[in-house]
Amino acid sequence: MAHVLVIGASKGIGLETVKLSLAAGHRVRAFARSATAMTLSGAGLERFPGDALNAGDVASALDDIDVVVQALGVPTKNLLGPVTLFSDATNMLVPAMEKVGVRRLLAVTGFGTGDSRDAIGLLQRVPFRLVFGRAYDDKDAQEMRIRKSGLEWTFVRPGVLTPGSTTGRYKVLTEPSSWRNGLISRADVAHFIVGQIDRPAYERKAVVLIR
């Protein structure tokens, strides 16, 4: 079993990843500013309060870790202003991982990031840019920084996120010609991530997830 660091563990995909990782028998260090308020429990869970933009917090969180899951998010209300969280946190995380020799990184970005931007349909492109443009420009910078590293990374690019339980029934699209938008639950994104902890099949690749 692995020792997994989940950054952004208190909500969304990060929280679902913590739950499923514990269910799979992994030890989990749940990193979030509000980690102490998490109501989850389990013998393998460590709540780790910290700031993803604080070098000391990040360095401490990486101690004895095998795999890092980066599942950061920003509130919807902040999308219309400048967004730098994804790239700033990544610029902190990547050299810290390289320094201590933690090599495996699963980074949640999104459909429309990097080379998947060209797969956005014409009718979706304008509203997508209006609402998510700043965040996804920063996610582009996040991915570019990771690509320049020597880490064993996977970019997890979910489509439109929905609530709901884990089904395990979703598509993993690996070829750019197949990339398209669609719905997927946060729990199913976490299901994919946890499956990659023990059985990495997409190292140094980007995948789009839809149901």
C-alpha atoms as a PDB file:
ATOM      1  CA  MET A   1       0.000   0.000   0.000  1.00  0.00           C
ATOM      2  CA  ALA A   2       1.152   3.533  -0.755  1.00  0.00           C
ATOM      3  CA  HIS A   3       1.479   6.647   1.363  1.00  0.00           C
ATOM      4  CA  VAL A   4      -0.481   9.266  -0.562  1.00  0.00           C
ATOM      5  CA  LEU A   5      -0.403  13.045  -0.179  1.00  0.00           C
ATOM      6  CA  VAL A   6      -3.635  14.662  -1.378  1.00  0.00           C
ATOM      7  CA  ILE A   7      -3.291  18.430  -1.824  1.00  0.00           C
ATOM      8  CA  GLY A   8      -6.699  20.081  -1.774  1.00  0.00           C
ATOM      9  CA  ALA A   9      -8.152  17.299   0.342  1.00  0.00           C
ATOM     10  CA  SER A  10     -11.033  19.038   2.079  1.00  0.00           C
ATOM     11  CA  LYS A  11     -13.549  19.178  -0.769  1.00  0.00           C
ATOM     12  CA  GLY A  12     -14.408  18.118  -4.306  1.00  0.00           C
ATOM     13  CA  ILE A  13     -12.192  15.631  -6.110  1.00  0.00           C
ATOM     14  CA  GLY A  14      -9.579  15.850  -3.378  1.00  0.00           C
ATOM     15  CA  LEU A  15     -12.022  14.767  -0.686  1.00  0.00           C
ATOM     16  CA  GLU A  16     -13.362  11.934  -2.837  1.00  0.00           C
ATOM     17  CA  THR A  17      -9.787  10.801  -3.478  1.00  0.00           C
ATOM     18  CA  VAL A  18      -9.085  10.706   0.242  1.00  0.00           C
ATOM     19  CA  LYS A  19     -12.188   8.565   0.839  1.00  0.00           C
ATOM     20  CA  LEU A  20     -11.427   6.065  -1.917  1.00  0.00           C
ATOM     21  CA  SER A  21      -7.717   5.885  -1.089  1.00  0.00           C
ATOM     22  CA  LEU A  22      -8.532   4.975   2.499  1.00  0.00           C
ATOM     23  CA  ALA A  23     -11.064   2.395   1.314  1.00  0.00           C
ATOM     24  CA  ALA A  24      -8.336   0.862  -0.869  1.00  0.00           C
ATOM     25  CA  GLY A  25      -6.063   0.500   2.149  1.00  0.00           C
ATOM     26  CA  HIS A  26      -3.629   3.334   1.454  1.00  0.00           C
ATOM     27  CA  ARG A  27      -2.282   5.705   4.067  1.00  0.00           C
ATOM     28  CA  VAL A  28      -3.407   9.238   3.275  1.00  0.00           C
ATOM     29  CA  ARG A  29      -2.034  12.605   4.318  1.00  0.00           C
ATOM     30  CA  ALA A  30      -4.921  15.011   3.711  1.00  0.00           C
ATOM     31  CA  PHE A  31      -3.411  18.440   3.038  1.00  0.00           C
ATOM     32  CA  ALA A  32      -5.677  21.495   3.196  1.00  0.00           C
ATOM     33  CA  ARG A  33      -5.916  24.741   5.091  1.00  0.00           C
ATOM     34  CA  SER A  34      -9.095  23.400   6.709  1.00  0.00           C
ATOM     35  CA  ALA A  35      -7.803  19.849   7.250  1.00  0.00           C
ATOM     36  CA  THR A  36      -8.489  19.849  10.972  1.00  0.00           C
ATOM     37  CA  ALA A  37     -12.188  20.456  10.274  1.00  0.00           C
ATOM     38  CA  MET A  38     -12.532  17.343   8.115  1.00  0.00           C
ATOM     39  CA  THR A  39     -15.016  14.866   9.567  1.00  0.00           C
ATOM     40  CA  LEU A  40     -13.473  11.779   7.975  1.00  0.00           C
ATOM     41  CA  SER A  41     -11.837   9.226  10.205  1.00  0.00           C
ATOM     42  CA  GLY A  42      -9.755   6.121   9.690  1.00  0.00           C
ATOM     43  CA  ALA A  43      -6.596   4.459  10.890  1.00  0.00           C
ATOM     44  CA  GLY A  44      -4.757   5.435   7.712  1.00  0.00           C
ATOM     45  CA  LEU A  45      -5.778   9.112   7.704  1.00  0.00           C
ATOM     46  CA  GLU A  46      -3.570  12.006   8.738  1.00  0.00           C
ATOM     47  CA  ARG A  47      -5.150  15.456   8.632  1.00  0.00           C
ATOM     48  CA  PHE A  48      -2.409  17.891   7.662  1.00  0.00           C
ATOM     49  CA  PRO A  49      -3.311  21.599   7.877  1.00  0.00           C
ATOM     50  CA  GLY A  50      -1.194  23.590   5.474  1.00  0.00           C
ATOM     51  CA  ASP A  51      -1.040  26.161   2.715  1.00  0.00           C
ATOM     52  CA  ALA A  52      -0.097  24.936  -0.779  1.00  0.00           C
ATOM     53  CA  LEU A  53       1.720  28.261  -1.293  1.00  0.00           C
ATOM     54  CA  ASN A  54       3.869  27.890   1.817  1.00  0.00           C
ATOM     55  CA  ALA A  55       7.230  26.253   1.111  1.00  0.00           C
ATOM     56  CA  GLY A  56       7.650  24.962   4.645  1.00  0.00           C
ATOM     57  CA  ASP A  57       4.210  23.364   4.702  1.00  0.00           C
ATOM     58  CA  VAL A  58       4.765  21.677   1.350  1.00  0.00           C
ATOM     59  CA  ALA A  59       8.209  20.375   2.299  1.00  0.00           C
ATOM     60  CA  SER A  60       6.906  18.937   5.579  1.00  0.00           C
ATOM     61  CA  ALA A  61       3.946  17.321   3.850  1.00  0.00           C
ATOM     62  CA  LEU A  62       6.219  15.404   1.449  1.00  0.00           C
ATOM     63  CA  ASP A  63       8.026  13.490   4.194  1.00  0.00           C
ATOM     64  CA  ASP A  64       7.742   9.705   3.614  1.00  0.00           C
ATOM     65  CA  ILE A  65       5.285  10.143   0.707  1.00  0.00           C
ATOM     66  CA  ASP A  66       5.115   7.809  -2.322  1.00  0.00           C
ATOM     67  CA  VAL A  67       2.502   9.522  -4.526  1.00  0.00           C
ATOM     68  CA  VAL A  68       1.167  13.093  -4.686  1.00  0.00           C
ATOM     69  CA  VAL A  69      -2.329  13.980  -5.881  1.00  0.00           C
ATOM     70  CA  GLN A  70      -2.722  17.673  -6.660  1.00  0.00           C
ATOM     71  CA  ALA A  71      -6.440  18.493  -6.667  1.00  0.00           C
ATOM     72  CA  LEU A  72      -6.624  22.217  -6.106  1.00  0.00           C
ATOM     73  CA  GLY A  73      -9.644  24.347  -6.861  1.00  0.00           C
ATOM     74  CA  VAL A  74     -10.747  27.961  -6.674  1.00  0.00           C
ATOM     75  CA  PRO A  75     -14.196  29.255  -5.668  1.00  0.00           C
ATOM     76  CA  THR A  76     -16.488  30.117  -8.559  1.00  0.00           C
ATOM     77  CA  LYS A  77     -16.677  33.725  -7.358  1.00  0.00           C
ATOM     78  CA  ASN A  78     -12.921  34.074  -7.966  1.00  0.00           C
ATOM     79  CA  LEU A  79     -12.962  32.921 -11.591  1.00  0.00           C
ATOM     80  CA  LEU A  80     -13.576  36.386 -13.005  1.00  0.00           C
ATOM     81  CA  GLY A  81     -10.459  37.852 -11.417  1.00  0.00           C
ATOM     82  CA  PRO A  82      -6.788  36.967 -11.846  1.00  0.00           C
ATOM     83  CA  VAL A  83      -6.065  33.301 -11.082  1.00  0.00           C
ATOM     84  CA  THR A  84      -2.548  32.188 -10.174  1.00  0.00           C
ATOM     85  CA  LEU A  85      -3.147  29.468  -7.566  1.00  0.00           C
ATOM     86  CA  PHE A  86      -2.521  26.504  -9.872  1.00  0.00           C
ATOM     87  CA  SER A  87       0.787  27.708 -11.272  1.00  0.00           C
ATOM     88  CA  ASP A  88       2.015  29.237  -8.011  1.00  0.00           C
ATOM     89  CA  ALA A  89       1.316  26.046  -6.065  1.00  0.00           C
ATOM     90  CA  THR A  90       2.923  23.917  -8.766  1.00  0.00           C
ATOM     91  CA  ASN A  91       6.021  26.116  -8.844  1.00  0.00           C
ATOM     92  CA  MET A  92       6.270  25.384  -5.117  1.00  0.00           C
ATOM     93  CA  LEU A  93       5.463  21.668  -5.294  1.00  0.00           C
ATOM     94  CA  VAL A  94       7.552  20.424  -8.221  1.00  0.00           C
ATOM     95  CA  PRO A  95      11.013  21.472  -6.986  1.00  0.00           C
ATOM     96  CA  ALA A  96      10.105  20.281  -3.490  1.00  0.00           C
ATOM     97  CA  MET A  97       9.206  16.836  -4.873  1.00  0.00           C
ATOM     98  CA  GLU A  98      12.375  16.727  -6.941  1.00  0.00           C
ATOM     99  CA  LYS A  99      14.484  17.692  -3.939  1.00  0.00           C
ATOM    100  CA  VAL A 100      13.262  14.808  -1.766  1.00  0.00           C
ATOM    101  CA  GLY A 101      12.902  12.257  -4.556  1.00  0.00           C
ATOM    102  CA  VAL A 102       9.110  11.886  -4.639  1.00  0.00           C
ATOM    103  CA  ARG A 103       8.515  11.217  -8.320  1.00  0.00           C
ATOM    104  CA  ARG A 104       4.853  10.282  -8.881  1.00  0.00           C
ATOM    105  CA  LEU A 105       2.388  13.159  -9.409  1.00  0.00           C
ATOM    106  CA  LEU A 106      -1.254  12.940 -10.432  1.00  0.00           C
ATOM    107  CA  ALA A 107      -2.385  16.481 -11.241  1.00  0.00           C
ATOM    108  CA  VAL A 108      -6.059  17.284 -11.750  1.00  0.00           C
ATOM    109  CA  THR A 109      -6.405  20.037 -14.350  1.00  0.00           C
ATOM    110  CA  GLY A 110      -9.416  19.819 -16.693  1.00  0.00           C
ATOM    111  CA  PHE A 111     -10.740  19.346 -20.204  1.00  0.00           C
ATOM    112  CA  GLY A 112      -9.722  22.466 -22.111  1.00  0.00           C
ATOM    113  CA  THR A 113      -6.257  22.647 -20.563  1.00  0.00           C
ATOM    114  CA  GLY A 114      -3.133  22.516 -22.697  1.00  0.00           C
ATOM    115  CA  ASP A 115      -3.447  20.600 -25.933  1.00  0.00           C
ATOM    116  CA  SER A 116      -7.061  19.648 -25.164  1.00  0.00           C
ATOM    117  CA  ARG A 117      -8.162  23.251 -25.710  1.00  0.00           C
ATOM    118  CA  ASP A 118      -8.453  22.643 -29.445  1.00  0.00           C
ATOM    119  CA  ALA A 119     -11.023  19.911 -28.751  1.00  0.00           C
ATOM    120  CA  ILE A 120     -13.548  22.375 -27.306  1.00  0.00           C
ATOM    121  CA  GLY A 121     -16.478  22.747 -29.713  1.00  0.00           C
ATOM    122  CA  LEU A 122     -17.019  26.080 -31.444  1.00  0.00           C
ATOM    123  CA  LEU A 123     -20.314  26.714 -29.668  1.00  0.00           C
ATOM    124  CA  GLN A 124     -18.704  26.102 -26.274  1.00  0.00           C
ATOM    125  CA  ARG A 125     -15.519  28.037 -26.884  1.00  0.00           C
ATOM    126  CA  VAL A 126     -16.752  31.592 -26.257  1.00  0.00           C
ATOM    127  CA  PRO A 127     -18.697  30.942 -23.026  1.00  0.00           C
ATOM    128  CA  PHE A 128     -15.890  28.677 -21.806  1.00  0.00           C
ATOM    129  CA  ARG A 129     -13.328  31.421 -22.241  1.00  0.00           C
ATOM    130  CA  LEU A 130     -15.578  34.033 -20.630  1.00  0.00           C
ATOM    131  CA  VAL A 131     -16.157  31.986 -17.490  1.00  0.00           C
ATOM    132  CA  PHE A 132     -13.083  29.792 -17.147  1.00  0.00           C
ATOM    133  CA  GLY A 133     -10.472  31.516 -19.303  1.00  0.00           C
ATOM    134  CA  ARG A 134      -8.316  32.952 -16.515  1.00  0.00           C
ATOM    135  CA  ALA A 135      -8.333  29.741 -14.511  1.00  0.00           C
ATOM    136  CA  TYR A 136      -7.486  27.604 -17.510  1.00  0.00           C
ATOM    137  CA  ASP A 137      -4.711  29.905 -18.634  1.00  0.00           C
ATOM    138  CA  ASP A 138      -3.213  29.304 -15.196  1.00  0.00           C
ATOM    139  CA  LYS A 139      -3.809  25.550 -15.507  1.00  0.00           C
ATOM    140  CA  ASP A 140      -1.881  25.732 -18.800  1.00  0.00           C
ATOM    141  CA  ALA A 141       1.047  27.201 -16.883  1.00  0.00           C
ATOM    142  CA  GLN A 142       0.624  24.479 -14.257  1.00  0.00           C
ATOM    143  CA  GLU A 143       0.871  21.725 -16.840  1.00  0.00           C
ATOM    144  CA  MET A 144       3.810  23.344 -18.617  1.00  0.00           C
ATOM    145  CA  ARG A 145       5.786  23.516 -15.360  1.00  0.00           C
ATOM    146  CA  ILE A 146       5.105  19.858 -14.634  1.00  0.00           C
ATOM    147  CA  ARG A 147       6.066  18.818 -18.188  1.00  0.00           C
ATOM    148  CA  LYS A 148       9.451  20.483 -17.719  1.00  0.00           C
ATOM    149  CA  SER A 149      10.141  18.410 -14.621  1.00  0.00           C
ATOM    150  CA  GLY A 150      11.600  14.952 -14.308  1.00  0.00           C
ATOM    151  CA  LEU A 151       8.539  13.699 -12.440  1.00  0.00           C
ATOM    152  CA  GLU A 152       6.408  10.721 -13.413  1.00  0.00           C
ATOM    153  CA  TRP A 153       3.262  12.758 -13.964  1.00  0.00           C
ATOM    154  CA  THR A 154      -0.246  12.159 -15.221  1.00  0.00           C
ATOM    155  CA  PHE A 155      -2.634  14.984 -16.116  1.00  0.00           C
ATOM    156  CA  VAL A 156      -6.196  14.122 -15.140  1.00  0.00           C
ATOM    157  CA  ARG A 157      -8.548  16.252 -17.246  1.00  0.00           C
ATOM    158  CA  PRO A 158     -12.173  15.680 -16.246  1.00  0.00           C
ATOM    159  CA  GLY A 159     -15.067  17.072 -18.205  1.00  0.00           C
ATOM    160  CA  VAL A 160     -17.970  18.845 -16.503  1.00  0.00           C
ATOM    161  CA  LEU A 161     -18.015  17.760 -12.867  1.00  0.00           C
ATOM    162  CA  THR A 162     -21.180  16.478 -11.238  1.00  0.00           C
ATOM    163  CA  PRO A 163     -22.152  15.143  -7.818  1.00  0.00           C
ATOM    164  CA  GLY A 164     -22.893  11.470  -7.424  1.00  0.00           C
ATOM    165  CA  SER A 165     -21.367   8.251  -6.206  1.00  0.00           C
ATOM    166  CA  THR A 166     -18.647   6.111  -7.732  1.00  0.00           C
ATOM    167  CA  THR A 167     -19.785   4.020 -10.692  1.00  0.00           C
ATOM    168  CA  GLY A 168     -16.506   2.985 -12.306  1.00  0.00           C
ATOM    169  CA  ARG A 169     -18.257   3.450 -15.643  1.00  0.00           C
ATOM    170  CA  TYR A 170     -16.464   6.203 -17.503  1.00  0.00           C
ATOM    171  CA  LYS A 171     -14.248   6.700 -20.525  1.00  0.00           C
ATOM    172  CA  VAL A 172     -10.513   7.332 -20.328  1.00  0.00           C
ATOM    173  CA  LEU A 173      -9.682   9.201 -23.527  1.00  0.00           C
ATOM    174  CA  THR A 174      -5.979   9.151 -24.303  1.00  0.00           C
ATOM    175  CA  GLU A 175      -5.792  10.186 -27.961  1.00  0.00           C
ATOM    176  CA  PRO A 176      -6.270  13.847 -28.909  1.00  0.00           C
ATOM    177  CA  SER A 177      -8.536  12.797 -31.772  1.00  0.00           C
ATOM    178  CA  SER A 178     -10.938  11.257 -29.238  1.00  0.00           C
ATOM    179  CA  TRP A 179     -10.991  14.117 -26.737  1.00  0.00           C
ATOM    180  CA  ARG A 180     -14.390  15.678 -26.154  1.00  0.00           C
ATOM    181  CA  ASN A 181     -16.337  17.240 -23.338  1.00  0.00           C
ATOM    182  CA  GLY A 182     -18.873  15.408 -21.221  1.00  0.00           C
ATOM    183  CA  LEU A 183     -20.101  14.861 -17.690  1.00  0.00           C
ATOM    184  CA  ILE A 184     -18.349  12.904 -14.963  1.00  0.00           C
ATOM    185  CA  SER A 185     -18.822  12.715 -11.212  1.00  0.00           C
ATOM    186  CA  ARG A 186     -16.114  13.844  -8.845  1.00  0.00           C
ATOM    187  CA  ALA A 187     -16.250  10.390  -7.274  1.00  0.00           C
ATOM    188  CA  ASP A 188     -15.481   8.711 -10.604  1.00  0.00           C
ATOM    189  CA  VAL A 189     -12.550  11.062 -11.188  1.00  0.00           C
ATOM    190  CA  ALA A 190     -11.263   9.980  -7.783  1.00  0.00           C
ATOM    191  CA  HIS A 191     -11.839   6.342  -8.757  1.00  0.00           C
ATOM    192  CA  PHE A 192      -9.516   6.795 -11.739  1.00  0.00           C
ATOM    193  CA  ILE A 193      -6.896   8.553  -9.612  1.00  0.00           C
ATOM    194  CA  VAL A 194      -6.850   5.868  -6.939  1.00  0.00           C
ATOM    195  CA  GLY A 195      -6.560   3.187  -9.608  1.00  0.00           C
ATOM    196  CA  GLN A 196      -3.367   4.870 -10.801  1.00  0.00           C
ATOM    197  CA  ILE A 197      -1.718   4.779  -7.385  1.00  0.00           C
ATOM    198  CA  ASP A 198      -0.914   1.063  -7.499  1.00  0.00           C
ATOM    199  CA  ARG A 199      -1.145   0.479 -11.241  1.00  0.00           C
ATOM    200  CA  PRO A 200       0.190   3.506 -13.104  1.00  0.00           C
ATOM    201  CA  ALA A 201      -0.771   3.128 -16.749  1.00  0.00           C
ATOM    202  CA  TYR A 202      -0.561   6.711 -18.000  1.00  0.00           C
ATOM    203  CA  GLU A 203       2.819   8.062 -16.902  1.00  0.00           C
ATOM    204  CA  ARG A 204       3.776  11.307 -18.662  1.00  0.00           C
ATOM    205  CA  LYS A 205       0.394  11.330 -20.410  1.00  0.00           C
ATOM    206  CA  ALA A 206      -2.767  13.431 -20.280  1.00  0.00           C
ATOM    207  CA  VAL A 207      -6.164  11.771 -20.175  1.00  0.00           C
ATOM    208  CA  VAL A 208      -9.665  13.207 -20.532  1.00  0.00           C
ATOM    209  CA  LEU A 209     -12.339  11.617 -18.352  1.00  0.00           C
ATOM    210  CA  ILE A 210     -16.051  11.564 -19.219  1.00  0.00           C
ATOM    211  CA  ARG A 211     -18.805   9.075 -18.573  1.00  0.00           C
END
